[in-house]
Amino acid sequence: MTDVAVIVIDVQQEFFTGPAPAYRADEVIDGINRLTDTARTAGVPVCFVQHDGAPGEGEVEPGTPGWQIAARLAHRDGDAVVRKTVRDAFHQTNLEDWLSVVGVRRLVLCGYATPFCVDATLRRAVGLGYCVTVVDGLHTTHDVGDTRAADVIAQHHADWRALKGPAGAPAVRPLADVLATELA
């Protein structure tokens, strides 16, 4: 039994396809597929978090094409799915219960959007005492105002390293390191 799980946040059609996909969308999905394939092979549970927009919120309203998990993302039977309605994947969801049932205390996070749902979920996880690793290059966003997506991501890396929680600060590590140590 492993004490780590991979959490893939909001990799949905609306954010990864169309005329304005997220920054490095294809590379992020390819990397997440590599991460989750390795995790499954190692017996590490994988959870997909899916944002449910409010009725009339067309881009991610449940049942709409944009709400669907990205077509290129490899998800399998047996992977957990947690649906949320706010940025924080723990808020009024069964995520914490699922993590407890599978015996997880370490999280590997990736997905969309760095300054919103990834950030809110990471901060909550750190506060709850989880040991958190964010995979560098496997989380993304769009430009935020006048700030380029790459700069938003870099700033969040610095901010996250400064967080302190019961299990310490979150780590931001490249995929190769995560595959070699967290999922080995």
N, C-alpha and C. Protein backbone atom coordinates (compact mmCIF):
# COMPACT_ATOMS: atom_id res chain seq x y z
N MET A 1 0.85 -1.19 0.00
CA MET A 1 0.00 0.00 0.00
C MET A 1 0.89 1.24 0.00
N THR A 2 0.47 2.24 -0.73
CA THR A 2 1.23 3.47 -0.86
C THR A 2 0.56 4.59 -0.06
N ASP A 3 1.32 5.57 0.34
CA ASP A 3 0.71 6.70 1.06
C ASP A 3 0.68 7.96 0.21
N VAL A 4 0.84 7.80 -1.10
CA VAL A 4 0.84 8.94 -2.03
C VAL A 4 -0.27 8.76 -3.06
N ALA A 5 -0.82 9.88 -3.53
CA ALA A 5 -1.81 9.87 -4.61
C ALA A 5 -1.51 11.02 -5.56
N VAL A 6 -1.85 10.83 -6.82
CA VAL A 6 -1.74 11.88 -7.84
C VAL A 6 -3.11 12.53 -7.98
N ILE A 7 -3.15 13.85 -7.87
CA ILE A 7 -4.38 14.62 -8.00
C ILE A 7 -4.26 15.51 -9.24
N VAL A 8 -5.14 15.29 -10.21
CA VAL A 8 -5.15 16.05 -11.46
C VAL A 8 -6.34 17.00 -11.40
N ILE A 9 -6.07 18.29 -11.41
CA ILE A 9 -7.09 19.31 -11.16
C ILE A 9 -7.57 19.98 -12.45
N ASP A 10 -8.86 19.87 -12.73
CA ASP A 10 -9.57 20.66 -13.75
C ASP A 10 -8.97 20.63 -15.15
N VAL A 11 -8.47 19.50 -15.59
CA VAL A 11 -7.97 19.40 -16.97
C VAL A 11 -9.19 19.05 -17.83
N GLN A 12 -9.92 20.09 -18.19
CA GLN A 12 -11.20 19.97 -18.89
C GLN A 12 -11.11 20.61 -20.27
N GLN A 13 -11.97 20.13 -21.16
CA GLN A 13 -11.95 20.55 -22.56
C GLN A 13 -11.89 22.08 -22.72
N GLU A 14 -12.71 22.79 -21.99
CA GLU A 14 -12.80 24.25 -22.15
C GLU A 14 -11.45 24.93 -21.98
N PHE A 15 -10.63 24.41 -21.09
CA PHE A 15 -9.38 25.07 -20.77
C PHE A 15 -8.21 24.62 -21.63
N PHE A 16 -8.36 23.49 -22.34
CA PHE A 16 -7.22 22.90 -23.05
C PHE A 16 -7.42 22.79 -24.56
N THR A 17 -8.56 23.21 -25.08
CA THR A 17 -8.79 23.14 -26.52
C THR A 17 -9.36 24.47 -27.00
N GLY A 18 -9.64 24.53 -28.28
CA GLY A 18 -10.27 25.71 -28.82
C GLY A 18 -9.27 26.79 -29.21
N PRO A 19 -9.78 27.98 -29.47
CA PRO A 19 -8.93 29.05 -29.98
C PRO A 19 -7.95 29.63 -28.96
N ALA A 20 -8.21 29.43 -27.67
CA ALA A 20 -7.32 29.99 -26.64
C ALA A 20 -7.03 28.96 -25.55
N PRO A 21 -6.30 27.90 -25.89
CA PRO A 21 -5.99 26.89 -24.87
C PRO A 21 -5.03 27.46 -23.83
N ALA A 22 -4.96 26.79 -22.70
CA ALA A 22 -4.04 27.18 -21.64
C ALA A 22 -2.60 27.15 -22.14
N TYR A 23 -1.76 27.87 -21.45
CA TYR A 23 -0.33 27.93 -21.75
C TYR A 23 0.25 26.51 -21.73
N ARG A 24 0.96 26.14 -22.80
CA ARG A 24 1.61 24.84 -22.94
C ARG A 24 0.63 23.68 -22.78
N ALA A 25 -0.60 23.84 -23.24
CA ALA A 25 -1.66 22.85 -23.01
C ALA A 25 -1.25 21.44 -23.43
N ASP A 26 -0.74 21.28 -24.64
CA ASP A 26 -0.38 19.94 -25.11
C ASP A 26 0.72 19.31 -24.28
N GLU A 27 1.75 20.09 -23.95
CA GLU A 27 2.86 19.57 -23.15
C GLU A 27 2.40 19.17 -21.75
N VAL A 28 1.50 19.96 -21.19
CA VAL A 28 0.99 19.66 -19.85
C VAL A 28 0.22 18.34 -19.88
N ILE A 29 -0.66 18.17 -20.85
CA ILE A 29 -1.43 16.92 -20.93
C ILE A 29 -0.50 15.73 -21.18
N ASP A 30 0.47 15.88 -22.07
CA ASP A 30 1.41 14.78 -22.32
C ASP A 30 2.14 14.39 -21.03
N GLY A 31 2.59 15.37 -20.28
CA GLY A 31 3.29 15.10 -19.03
C GLY A 31 2.39 14.47 -17.98
N ILE A 32 1.16 14.95 -17.89
CA ILE A 32 0.22 14.36 -16.93
C ILE A 32 -0.06 12.91 -17.31
N ASN A 33 -0.19 12.62 -18.59
CA ASN A 33 -0.40 11.24 -19.01
C ASN A 33 0.78 10.36 -18.60
N ARG A 34 1.98 10.87 -18.75
CA ARG A 34 3.17 10.11 -18.32
C ARG A 34 3.15 9.89 -16.81
N LEU A 35 2.82 10.94 -16.07
CA LEU A 35 2.75 10.87 -14.61
C LEU A 35 1.71 9.84 -14.16
N THR A 36 0.50 9.93 -14.70
CA THR A 36 -0.57 9.03 -14.26
C THR A 36 -0.33 7.59 -14.71
N ASP A 37 0.24 7.39 -15.88
CA ASP A 37 0.58 6.03 -16.31
C ASP A 37 1.59 5.40 -15.36
N THR A 38 2.61 6.16 -15.00
CA THR A 38 3.63 5.66 -14.07
C THR A 38 3.00 5.39 -12.70
N ALA A 39 2.13 6.28 -12.26
CA ALA A 39 1.48 6.10 -10.96
C ALA A 39 0.66 4.81 -10.94
N ARG A 40 -0.15 4.61 -11.95
CA ARG A 40 -0.98 3.40 -11.99
C ARG A 40 -0.11 2.14 -11.97
N THR A 41 0.97 2.15 -12.75
CA THR A 41 1.87 0.99 -12.80
C THR A 41 2.47 0.72 -11.42
N ALA A 42 2.73 1.78 -10.66
CA ALA A 42 3.31 1.64 -9.32
C ALA A 42 2.25 1.39 -8.24
N GLY A 43 0.99 1.31 -8.63
CA GLY A 43 -0.07 1.09 -7.66
C GLY A 43 -0.47 2.33 -6.89
N VAL A 44 -0.12 3.50 -7.42
CA VAL A 44 -0.44 4.77 -6.78
C VAL A 44 -1.81 5.23 -7.29
N PRO A 45 -2.74 5.55 -6.39
CA PRO A 45 -4.06 5.99 -6.85
C PRO A 45 -4.00 7.34 -7.56
N VAL A 46 -4.91 7.49 -8.53
CA VAL A 46 -5.03 8.71 -9.32
C VAL A 46 -6.44 9.25 -9.15
N CYS A 47 -6.53 10.55 -8.94
CA CYS A 47 -7.83 11.21 -8.78
C CYS A 47 -7.92 12.39 -9.73
N PHE A 48 -9.00 12.45 -10.48
CA PHE A 48 -9.28 13.58 -11.35
C PHE A 48 -10.32 14.47 -10.68
N VAL A 49 -9.98 15.74 -10.54
CA VAL A 49 -10.90 16.73 -9.99
C VAL A 49 -11.51 17.46 -11.18
N GLN A 50 -12.83 17.60 -11.15
CA GLN A 50 -13.55 18.20 -12.26
C GLN A 50 -14.42 19.33 -11.72
N HIS A 51 -14.26 20.52 -12.30
CA HIS A 51 -15.02 21.69 -11.84
C HIS A 51 -16.41 21.69 -12.47
N ASP A 52 -17.42 21.85 -11.62
CA ASP A 52 -18.81 22.00 -12.07
C ASP A 52 -19.18 23.46 -12.00
N GLY A 53 -19.34 24.09 -13.16
CA GLY A 53 -19.79 25.47 -13.19
C GLY A 53 -21.27 25.55 -12.85
N ALA A 54 -21.71 26.74 -12.49
CA ALA A 54 -23.11 26.96 -12.15
C ALA A 54 -23.97 26.86 -13.41
N PRO A 55 -25.25 26.53 -13.25
CA PRO A 55 -26.15 26.52 -14.42
C PRO A 55 -26.07 27.87 -15.14
N GLY A 56 -25.96 27.79 -16.44
CA GLY A 56 -25.83 28.99 -17.25
C GLY A 56 -24.40 29.47 -17.40
N GLU A 57 -23.47 28.87 -16.66
CA GLU A 57 -22.04 29.17 -16.77
C GLU A 57 -21.50 28.25 -17.85
N GLY A 58 -21.76 28.62 -19.09
CA GLY A 58 -21.57 27.76 -20.24
C GLY A 58 -20.26 27.02 -20.36
N GLU A 59 -19.15 27.65 -19.99
CA GLU A 59 -17.86 27.03 -20.27
C GLU A 59 -17.64 25.70 -19.55
N VAL A 60 -18.09 25.56 -18.32
CA VAL A 60 -17.91 24.30 -17.60
C VAL A 60 -19.19 23.86 -16.89
N GLU A 61 -20.32 24.20 -17.45
CA GLU A 61 -21.58 23.72 -16.90
C GLU A 61 -21.64 22.21 -17.11
N PRO A 62 -21.97 21.45 -16.05
CA PRO A 62 -22.00 20.00 -16.20
C PRO A 62 -22.81 19.54 -17.41
N GLY A 63 -22.24 18.59 -18.12
CA GLY A 63 -22.88 18.03 -19.30
C GLY A 63 -22.52 18.71 -20.60
N THR A 64 -21.91 19.90 -20.54
CA THR A 64 -21.54 20.60 -21.77
C THR A 64 -20.22 20.05 -22.29
N PRO A 65 -19.91 20.25 -23.56
CA PRO A 65 -18.64 19.77 -24.10
C PRO A 65 -17.42 20.33 -23.36
N GLY A 66 -17.44 21.59 -22.98
CA GLY A 66 -16.31 22.18 -22.30
C GLY A 66 -16.07 21.64 -20.90
N TRP A 67 -17.09 21.09 -20.28
CA TRP A 67 -17.00 20.54 -18.94
C TRP A 67 -16.30 19.17 -18.91
N GLN A 68 -16.33 18.46 -20.01
CA GLN A 68 -15.76 17.12 -20.08
C GLN A 68 -14.26 17.14 -19.77
N ILE A 69 -13.77 16.06 -19.18
CA ILE A 69 -12.33 15.91 -19.00
C ILE A 69 -11.68 15.95 -20.39
N ALA A 70 -10.54 16.63 -20.51
CA ALA A 70 -9.89 16.82 -21.81
C ALA A 70 -9.75 15.48 -22.54
N ALA A 71 -10.10 15.48 -23.80
CA ALA A 71 -10.12 14.25 -24.60
C ALA A 71 -8.77 13.56 -24.64
N ARG A 72 -7.69 14.31 -24.67
CA ARG A 72 -6.34 13.72 -24.76
C ARG A 72 -5.82 13.21 -23.42
N LEU A 73 -6.52 13.50 -22.35
CA LEU A 73 -6.08 13.08 -21.03
C LEU A 73 -6.46 11.62 -20.81
N ALA A 74 -5.49 10.80 -20.46
CA ALA A 74 -5.72 9.36 -20.28
C ALA A 74 -6.26 9.09 -18.88
N HIS A 75 -7.57 8.91 -18.80
CA HIS A 75 -8.15 8.50 -17.52
C HIS A 75 -8.71 7.09 -17.70
N ARG A 76 -8.69 6.34 -16.62
CA ARG A 76 -9.01 4.91 -16.67
C ARG A 76 -10.10 4.57 -15.67
N ASP A 77 -10.78 3.46 -15.93
CA ASP A 77 -11.68 2.91 -14.92
C ASP A 77 -10.84 2.65 -13.67
N GLY A 78 -11.38 2.93 -12.55
CA GLY A 78 -10.64 2.76 -11.30
C GLY A 78 -10.03 4.05 -10.79
N ASP A 79 -9.83 5.05 -11.67
CA ASP A 79 -9.38 6.35 -11.20
C ASP A 79 -10.54 7.02 -10.47
N ALA A 80 -10.24 7.70 -9.40
CA ALA A 80 -11.28 8.44 -8.68
C ALA A 80 -11.62 9.72 -9.43
N VAL A 81 -12.85 10.18 -9.27
CA VAL A 81 -13.28 11.47 -9.81
C VAL A 81 -13.96 12.23 -8.68
N VAL A 82 -13.51 13.46 -8.45
CA VAL A 82 -14.10 14.33 -7.46
C VAL A 82 -14.61 15.56 -8.19
N ARG A 83 -15.87 15.88 -7.97
CA ARG A 83 -16.45 17.07 -8.61
C ARG A 83 -16.56 18.16 -7.56
N LYS A 84 -16.21 19.39 -7.99
CA LYS A 84 -16.21 20.52 -7.07
C LYS A 84 -16.94 21.70 -7.70
N THR A 85 -17.30 22.67 -6.87
CA THR A 85 -17.99 23.86 -7.38
C THR A 85 -17.26 25.16 -7.06
N VAL A 86 -16.16 25.06 -6.30
CA VAL A 86 -15.33 26.22 -5.99
C VAL A 86 -13.88 25.85 -6.29
N ARG A 87 -12.98 26.79 -6.10
CA ARG A 87 -11.56 26.54 -6.43
C ARG A 87 -10.94 25.41 -5.62
N ASP A 88 -11.22 25.35 -4.36
CA ASP A 88 -10.62 24.39 -3.44
C ASP A 88 -11.26 23.01 -3.62
N ALA A 89 -10.47 22.03 -4.04
CA ALA A 89 -10.99 20.68 -4.30
C ALA A 89 -11.40 19.94 -3.04
N PHE A 90 -11.06 20.47 -1.86
CA PHE A 90 -11.48 19.85 -0.60
C PHE A 90 -12.83 20.37 -0.12
N HIS A 91 -13.21 21.57 -0.55
CA HIS A 91 -14.40 22.24 -0.03
C HIS A 91 -15.68 21.52 -0.46
N GLN A 92 -16.38 20.97 0.52
CA GLN A 92 -17.66 20.30 0.32
C GLN A 92 -17.60 19.22 -0.77
N THR A 93 -16.48 18.46 -0.77
CA THR A 93 -16.34 17.32 -1.67
C THR A 93 -15.95 16.11 -0.82
N ASN A 94 -15.83 14.97 -1.46
CA ASN A 94 -15.40 13.76 -0.75
C ASN A 94 -13.90 13.51 -0.89
N LEU A 95 -13.12 14.49 -1.33
CA LEU A 95 -11.69 14.28 -1.54
C LEU A 95 -10.98 13.84 -0.26
N GLU A 96 -11.18 14.54 0.82
CA GLU A 96 -10.47 14.18 2.05
C GLU A 96 -10.89 12.78 2.54
N ASP A 97 -12.16 12.45 2.41
CA ASP A 97 -12.61 11.11 2.80
C ASP A 97 -11.96 10.05 1.93
N TRP A 98 -11.90 10.28 0.63
CA TRP A 98 -11.27 9.33 -0.29
C TRP A 98 -9.80 9.15 0.06
N LEU A 99 -9.09 10.24 0.32
CA LEU A 99 -7.68 10.15 0.68
C LEU A 99 -7.49 9.34 1.96
N SER A 100 -8.39 9.52 2.91
CA SER A 100 -8.31 8.77 4.16
C SER A 100 -8.54 7.27 3.93
N VAL A 101 -9.52 6.94 3.12
CA VAL A 101 -9.84 5.55 2.84
C VAL A 101 -8.67 4.84 2.16
N VAL A 102 -8.00 5.53 1.22
CA VAL A 102 -6.88 4.89 0.52
C VAL A 102 -5.56 5.07 1.26
N GLY A 103 -5.59 5.73 2.42
CA GLY A 103 -4.41 5.83 3.28
C GLY A 103 -3.34 6.79 2.80
N VAL A 104 -3.75 7.88 2.21
CA VAL A 104 -2.81 8.83 1.60
C VAL A 104 -2.51 9.99 2.55
N ARG A 105 -1.21 10.33 2.66
CA ARG A 105 -0.77 11.53 3.39
C ARG A 105 0.13 12.41 2.54
N ARG A 106 0.50 11.91 1.34
CA ARG A 106 1.34 12.69 0.42
C ARG A 106 0.58 12.87 -0.90
N LEU A 107 0.59 14.10 -1.41
CA LEU A 107 -0.12 14.42 -2.64
C LEU A 107 0.85 14.92 -3.70
N VAL A 108 0.64 14.47 -4.92
CA VAL A 108 1.34 14.99 -6.09
C VAL A 108 0.28 15.71 -6.91
N LEU A 109 0.42 17.04 -7.03
CA LEU A 109 -0.59 17.87 -7.69
C LEU A 109 -0.14 18.32 -9.07
N CYS A 110 -1.12 18.43 -9.97
CA CYS A 110 -0.90 18.99 -11.30
C CYS A 110 -2.26 19.46 -11.82
N GLY A 111 -2.26 20.21 -12.93
CA GLY A 111 -3.53 20.58 -13.54
C GLY A 111 -3.67 22.05 -13.86
N TYR A 112 -4.91 22.53 -13.75
CA TYR A 112 -5.31 23.87 -14.18
C TYR A 112 -6.16 24.49 -13.06
N ALA A 113 -6.15 25.66 -12.81
CA ALA A 113 -5.36 26.81 -13.18
C ALA A 113 -4.46 27.18 -12.01
N THR A 114 -3.20 27.38 -12.32
CA THR A 114 -2.18 27.63 -11.31
C THR A 114 -2.62 28.65 -10.25
N PRO A 115 -3.08 29.86 -10.62
CA PRO A 115 -3.35 30.85 -9.58
C PRO A 115 -4.73 30.70 -8.92
N PHE A 116 -5.49 29.74 -9.36
CA PHE A 116 -6.85 29.60 -8.84
C PHE A 116 -7.03 28.22 -8.20
N CYS A 117 -7.45 27.24 -8.96
CA CYS A 117 -7.80 25.93 -8.39
C CYS A 117 -6.60 25.15 -7.90
N VAL A 118 -5.48 25.18 -8.60
CA VAL A 118 -4.28 24.49 -8.12
C VAL A 118 -3.81 25.15 -6.83
N ASP A 119 -3.74 26.47 -6.82
CA ASP A 119 -3.29 27.19 -5.64
C ASP A 119 -4.21 26.96 -4.43
N ALA A 120 -5.52 27.07 -4.63
CA ALA A 120 -6.46 26.90 -3.51
C ALA A 120 -6.39 25.48 -2.94
N THR A 121 -6.29 24.49 -3.81
CA THR A 121 -6.21 23.11 -3.36
C THR A 121 -4.90 22.84 -2.64
N LEU A 122 -3.81 23.35 -3.18
CA LEU A 122 -2.50 23.19 -2.53
C LEU A 122 -2.51 23.81 -1.14
N ARG A 123 -2.98 25.02 -1.02
CA ARG A 123 -2.98 25.71 0.27
C ARG A 123 -3.83 24.96 1.30
N ARG A 124 -4.97 24.46 0.88
CA ARG A 124 -5.82 23.69 1.80
C ARG A 124 -5.13 22.41 2.21
N ALA A 125 -4.51 21.72 1.24
CA ALA A 125 -3.81 20.46 1.55
C ALA A 125 -2.68 20.69 2.54
N VAL A 126 -1.91 21.75 2.34
CA VAL A 126 -0.82 22.07 3.27
C VAL A 126 -1.38 22.34 4.66
N GLY A 127 -2.45 23.11 4.74
CA GLY A 127 -3.07 23.41 6.02
C GLY A 127 -3.64 22.18 6.72
N LEU A 128 -4.07 21.20 5.94
CA LEU A 128 -4.62 19.97 6.50
C LEU A 128 -3.52 18.98 6.92
N GLY A 129 -2.27 19.32 6.62
CA GLY A 129 -1.16 18.48 7.05
C GLY A 129 -0.67 17.48 6.03
N TYR A 130 -1.10 17.60 4.79
CA TYR A 130 -0.58 16.72 3.75
C TYR A 130 0.81 17.18 3.33
N CYS A 131 1.65 16.26 2.97
CA CYS A 131 2.94 16.55 2.35
C CYS A 131 2.64 16.70 0.85
N VAL A 132 2.93 17.87 0.30
CA VAL A 132 2.49 18.19 -1.07
C VAL A 132 3.69 18.42 -1.98
N THR A 133 3.62 17.80 -3.16
CA THR A 133 4.56 18.06 -4.25
C THR A 133 3.76 18.53 -5.45
N VAL A 134 4.18 19.64 -6.02
CA VAL A 134 3.60 20.13 -7.27
C VAL A 134 4.60 19.80 -8.38
N VAL A 135 4.10 19.25 -9.47
CA VAL A 135 4.99 18.88 -10.56
C VAL A 135 5.22 20.09 -11.45
N ASP A 136 6.47 20.57 -11.45
CA ASP A 136 6.87 21.70 -12.28
C ASP A 136 6.64 21.35 -13.75
N GLY A 137 5.96 22.21 -14.46
CA GLY A 137 5.68 21.98 -15.88
C GLY A 137 4.39 21.23 -16.14
N LEU A 138 3.73 20.74 -15.09
CA LEU A 138 2.47 20.00 -15.28
C LEU A 138 1.27 20.70 -14.65
N HIS A 139 1.42 22.00 -14.41
CA HIS A 139 0.27 22.83 -14.05
C HIS A 139 0.36 24.07 -14.92
N THR A 140 -0.78 24.65 -15.21
CA THR A 140 -0.80 25.73 -16.19
C THR A 140 -1.95 26.69 -15.92
N THR A 141 -1.98 27.73 -16.73
CA THR A 141 -3.03 28.74 -16.64
C THR A 141 -3.07 29.50 -17.96
N HIS A 142 -3.89 30.50 -18.00
CA HIS A 142 -3.90 31.48 -19.08
C HIS A 142 -3.20 32.73 -18.54
N ASP A 143 -2.92 33.69 -19.41
CA ASP A 143 -2.44 34.98 -18.94
C ASP A 143 -3.47 35.53 -17.95
N VAL A 144 -2.99 36.23 -16.92
CA VAL A 144 -3.88 36.83 -15.93
C VAL A 144 -3.68 38.34 -16.01
N GLY A 145 -4.68 39.02 -16.57
CA GLY A 145 -4.54 40.45 -16.80
C GLY A 145 -3.38 40.70 -17.74
N ASP A 146 -2.46 41.56 -17.34
CA ASP A 146 -1.29 41.86 -18.16
C ASP A 146 -0.11 40.93 -17.86
N THR A 147 -0.30 39.97 -16.98
CA THR A 147 0.80 39.09 -16.59
C THR A 147 0.75 37.80 -17.41
N ARG A 148 1.87 37.51 -18.04
CA ARG A 148 1.97 36.30 -18.86
C ARG A 148 1.85 35.06 -17.99
N ALA A 149 1.27 34.01 -18.55
CA ALA A 149 1.07 32.76 -17.82
C ALA A 149 2.38 32.23 -17.23
N ALA A 150 3.46 32.29 -17.99
CA ALA A 150 4.76 31.78 -17.48
C ALA A 150 5.19 32.54 -16.23
N ASP A 151 4.94 33.84 -16.20
CA ASP A 151 5.30 34.64 -15.03
C ASP A 151 4.39 34.35 -13.84
N VAL A 152 3.11 34.10 -14.11
CA VAL A 152 2.17 33.73 -13.04
C VAL A 152 2.63 32.43 -12.39
N ILE A 153 3.01 31.47 -13.21
CA ILE A 153 3.47 30.17 -12.71
C ILE A 153 4.74 30.34 -11.88
N ALA A 154 5.70 31.09 -12.39
CA ALA A 154 6.96 31.30 -11.65
C ALA A 154 6.71 31.97 -10.31
N GLN A 155 5.83 32.94 -10.26
CA GLN A 155 5.52 33.61 -8.99
C GLN A 155 4.89 32.65 -8.00
N HIS A 156 4.01 31.78 -8.49
CA HIS A 156 3.38 30.81 -7.58
C HIS A 156 4.39 29.80 -7.05
N HIS A 157 5.36 29.41 -7.86
CA HIS A 157 6.41 28.52 -7.36
C HIS A 157 7.10 29.16 -6.15
N ALA A 158 7.45 30.43 -6.27
CA ALA A 158 8.12 31.13 -5.17
C ALA A 158 7.19 31.23 -3.95
N ASP A 159 5.94 31.56 -4.18
CA ASP A 159 4.98 31.68 -3.08
C ASP A 159 4.80 30.34 -2.37
N TRP A 160 4.67 29.27 -3.12
CA TRP A 160 4.42 27.95 -2.52
C TRP A 160 5.60 27.49 -1.67
N ARG A 161 6.80 27.75 -2.14
CA ARG A 161 7.98 27.33 -1.37
C ARG A 161 8.06 28.03 -0.01
N ALA A 162 7.39 29.16 0.11
CA ALA A 162 7.41 29.92 1.36
C ALA A 162 6.29 29.51 2.33
N LEU A 163 5.37 28.66 1.88
CA LEU A 163 4.28 28.21 2.75
C LEU A 163 4.82 27.27 3.82
N LYS A 164 4.18 27.28 4.96
CA LYS A 164 4.53 26.35 6.03
C LYS A 164 3.25 25.69 6.51
N GLY A 165 3.30 24.40 6.70
CA GLY A 165 2.17 23.65 7.23
C GLY A 165 2.68 22.59 8.17
N PRO A 166 1.80 21.82 8.78
CA PRO A 166 2.21 20.78 9.72
C PRO A 166 3.21 19.78 9.12
N ALA A 167 3.12 19.52 7.82
CA ALA A 167 4.05 18.58 7.17
C ALA A 167 5.18 19.31 6.45
N GLY A 168 5.30 20.62 6.66
CA GLY A 168 6.35 21.39 6.01
C GLY A 168 5.86 22.12 4.78
N ALA A 169 6.81 22.72 4.07
CA ALA A 169 6.49 23.48 2.86
C ALA A 169 6.27 22.54 1.69
N PRO A 170 5.39 22.93 0.75
CA PRO A 170 5.24 22.10 -0.45
C PRO A 170 6.51 22.16 -1.29
N ALA A 171 6.73 21.10 -2.05
CA ALA A 171 7.88 21.04 -2.96
C ALA A 171 7.40 21.28 -4.37
N VAL A 172 8.22 21.94 -5.17
CA VAL A 172 7.97 22.09 -6.60
C VAL A 172 9.11 21.36 -7.28
N ARG A 173 8.78 20.24 -7.94
CA ARG A 173 9.83 19.37 -8.48
C ARG A 173 9.53 18.99 -9.92
N PRO A 174 10.57 18.82 -10.74
CA PRO A 174 10.36 18.40 -12.12
C PRO A 174 9.83 16.97 -12.19
N LEU A 175 9.17 16.67 -13.29
CA LEU A 175 8.57 15.36 -13.50
C LEU A 175 9.55 14.22 -13.29
N ALA A 176 10.75 14.33 -13.84
CA ALA A 176 11.74 13.24 -13.73
C ALA A 176 12.02 12.92 -12.27
N ASP A 177 12.13 13.94 -11.42
CA ASP A 177 12.39 13.71 -9.99
C ASP A 177 11.18 13.04 -9.32
N VAL A 178 9.99 13.49 -9.67
CA VAL A 178 8.77 12.91 -9.08
C VAL A 178 8.66 11.44 -9.47
N LEU A 179 8.90 11.15 -10.74
CA LEU A 179 8.81 9.75 -11.20
C LEU A 179 9.84 8.87 -10.50
N ALA A 180 11.02 9.40 -10.26
CA ALA A 180 12.10 8.62 -9.66
C ALA A 180 11.96 8.43 -8.15
N THR A 181 11.30 9.37 -7.48
CA THR A 181 11.27 9.30 -6.02
C THR A 181 9.87 9.12 -5.44
N GLU A 182 8.92 9.89 -5.89
CA GLU A 182 7.57 9.84 -5.31
C GLU A 182 6.79 8.60 -5.76
N LEU A 183 7.04 8.13 -6.98
CA LEU A 183 6.24 7.05 -7.53
C LEU A 183 7.04 5.76 -7.74
N ALA A 184 8.26 5.75 -7.24
CA ALA A 184 9.11 4.56 -7.46
C ALA A 184 8.73 3.44 -6.52
